[in-house]
Protein backbone atom coordinates (compact mmCIF):
# COMPACT_ATOMS: atom_id res chain seq x y z
CA UNK A 1 0.00 0.00 0.00
CA UNK A 2 1.12 3.55 -0.74
CA UNK A 3 1.48 5.99 2.14
CA UNK A 4 -0.49 9.19 1.53
CA UNK A 5 0.07 12.60 3.13
CA UNK A 6 -2.36 15.39 2.37
CA UNK A 7 -1.57 19.08 2.85
CA UNK A 8 -2.62 22.55 1.79
CA UNK A 9 -5.86 22.94 3.70
CA UNK A 10 -6.54 26.22 5.45
CA UNK A 11 -9.16 28.71 6.59
CA UNK A 12 -10.22 30.74 3.57
CA UNK A 13 -12.92 33.30 2.91
CA UNK A 14 -15.79 32.55 0.53
CA UNK A 15 -14.66 33.09 -3.02
CA UNK A 16 -11.07 32.22 -2.17
CA UNK A 17 -8.82 29.51 -3.54
CA UNK A 18 -6.69 26.70 -2.21
CA UNK A 19 -4.40 24.10 -3.72
CA UNK A 20 -4.32 20.76 -1.96
CA UNK A 21 -1.46 18.33 -2.36
CA UNK A 22 -1.17 14.62 -1.71
CA UNK A 23 2.32 13.19 -1.46
CA UNK A 24 2.52 9.46 -2.08
CA UNK A 25 5.30 7.09 -1.18
CA UNK A 26 6.20 4.01 -3.14
CA UNK A 27 6.83 3.28 -6.78
CA UNK A 28 3.34 2.32 -7.86
CA UNK A 29 1.72 5.78 -7.63
CA UNK A 30 2.20 6.35 -11.32
CA UNK A 31 0.13 3.33 -12.32
CA UNK A 32 -2.82 4.06 -10.06
CA UNK A 33 -5.95 6.00 -10.79
CA UNK A 34 -6.46 8.35 -7.87
CA UNK A 35 -9.23 10.39 -6.29
CA UNK A 36 -9.88 13.20 -3.90
CA UNK A 37 -12.55 12.55 -1.29
CA UNK A 38 -14.02 14.73 1.43
CA UNK A 39 -15.85 14.29 4.71
CA UNK A 40 -17.88 17.10 6.19
CA UNK A 41 -18.88 17.05 9.87
CA UNK A 42 -21.65 14.54 10.49
CA UNK A 43 -21.63 13.30 6.92
CA UNK A 44 -20.15 10.26 5.20
CA UNK A 45 -17.01 10.50 3.13
CA UNK A 46 -17.75 11.26 -0.53
CA UNK A 47 -15.88 11.33 -3.79
CA UNK A 48 -14.87 14.75 -5.13
CA UNK A 49 -12.77 14.07 -8.23
CA UNK A 50 -10.84 11.29 -9.97
CA UNK A 51 -7.94 11.12 -12.38
CA UNK A 52 -6.52 8.24 -14.40
CA UNK A 53 -2.93 7.06 -13.94
CA UNK A 54 -1.65 9.10 -16.91
CA UNK A 55 -3.77 12.10 -15.99
CA UNK A 56 -5.63 12.22 -19.26
CA UNK A 57 -9.13 11.56 -17.96
CA UNK A 58 -10.70 13.42 -15.06
CA UNK A 59 -14.12 13.27 -13.47
CA UNK A 60 -15.80 15.52 -10.94
CA UNK A 61 -18.71 15.28 -8.56
CA UNK A 62 -21.70 17.37 -9.59
CA UNK A 63 -21.29 19.70 -6.63
CA UNK A 64 -17.85 20.79 -7.88
CA UNK A 65 -19.50 22.63 -10.78
CA UNK A 66 -16.31 23.61 -12.56
CA UNK A 67 -14.66 25.09 -9.48
CA UNK A 68 -12.06 22.34 -8.89
CA UNK A 69 -9.28 20.89 -11.03
CA UNK A 70 -7.57 17.61 -10.23
CA UNK A 71 -4.07 16.99 -11.55
CA UNK A 72 -1.01 14.89 -10.85
CA UNK A 73 2.73 14.86 -11.28
CA UNK A 74 3.87 11.26 -11.44
CA UNK A 75 7.54 12.28 -11.44
CA UNK A 76 6.95 13.83 -8.02
CA UNK A 77 4.49 11.18 -6.80
CA UNK A 78 2.03 13.97 -6.05
CA UNK A 79 -1.68 14.51 -6.59
CA UNK A 80 -3.22 18.00 -6.57
CA UNK A 81 -6.63 19.59 -6.20
CA UNK A 82 -6.97 23.23 -7.22
CA UNK A 83 -10.06 24.67 -5.56
CA UNK A 84 -11.45 28.01 -6.74
CA UNK A 85 -14.50 30.12 -5.86
CA UNK A 86 -14.87 28.29 -2.59
CA UNK A 87 -18.15 28.29 -0.72
CA UNK A 88 -18.88 27.50 2.96
CA UNK A 89 -20.46 24.18 1.95
CA UNK A 90 -17.04 23.00 0.80
CA UNK A 91 -15.84 22.95 4.40
CA UNK A 92 -14.60 19.42 5.09
CA UNK A 93 -11.55 17.26 5.62
CA UNK A 94 -10.14 16.34 2.23
CA UNK A 95 -8.39 13.03 1.59
CA UNK A 96 -6.68 11.36 -1.31
CA UNK A 97 -6.80 7.67 -2.05
CA UNK A 98 -6.83 5.37 -5.03
CA UNK A 99 -9.92 5.11 -7.16
CA UNK A 100 -11.88 2.94 -7.35
CA UNK A 101 -11.64 0.73 -4.29
CA UNK A 102 -9.75 3.05 -1.97
CA UNK A 103 -7.39 1.46 0.50
CA UNK A 104 -8.92 0.85 3.91
CA UNK A 105 -6.15 2.89 5.55
CA UNK A 106 -6.58 6.62 4.94
CA UNK A 107 -4.18 9.49 5.50
CA UNK A 108 -4.85 12.17 8.09
CA UNK A 109 -6.52 14.42 5.55
CA UNK A 110 -6.28 18.17 5.32
CA UNK A 111 -8.88 20.53 6.77
CA UNK A 112 -10.50 23.05 4.45
CA UNK A 113 -12.64 25.65 6.18
CA UNK A 114 -14.50 28.25 4.15
CA UNK A 115 -15.82 31.00 6.35
CA UNK A 116 -15.91 34.76 6.61
C-alpha cells in the first residue's frame, strides 16, 4: 500500500482559492488512478474528483460545478486539487486515495474551512 500525506488545507474566505497536495510514497503511484474525497462534519465520506494514472481523464462530482481541477505529477508522486471560488459548503476534511476501491487505511486528511 502507498502511504499518503495530504496538505494545503486552510481557513479561507468565501470566493477564495486553495491548492491541496497529496504526497505518495512508493513506486506504484504512477500506475494508479487516484481520487480526492471529502468528509464534512456529520456526513459520510464522498468522492470529489478522480484522475486516471496518466492524468488524461478526469471526473468531478456534480457539486464541484467547474470550481475544482484535479491533476497529478507522477515524477513527483504527487496529486493535486486546485479549488477556486470556494463556498462555505465546501468545508470538510479532504483526503486522497486510489480510485476505485480506496485502501482501507486513509491518511490524516487536510482541513479546508471556508468561512468569513
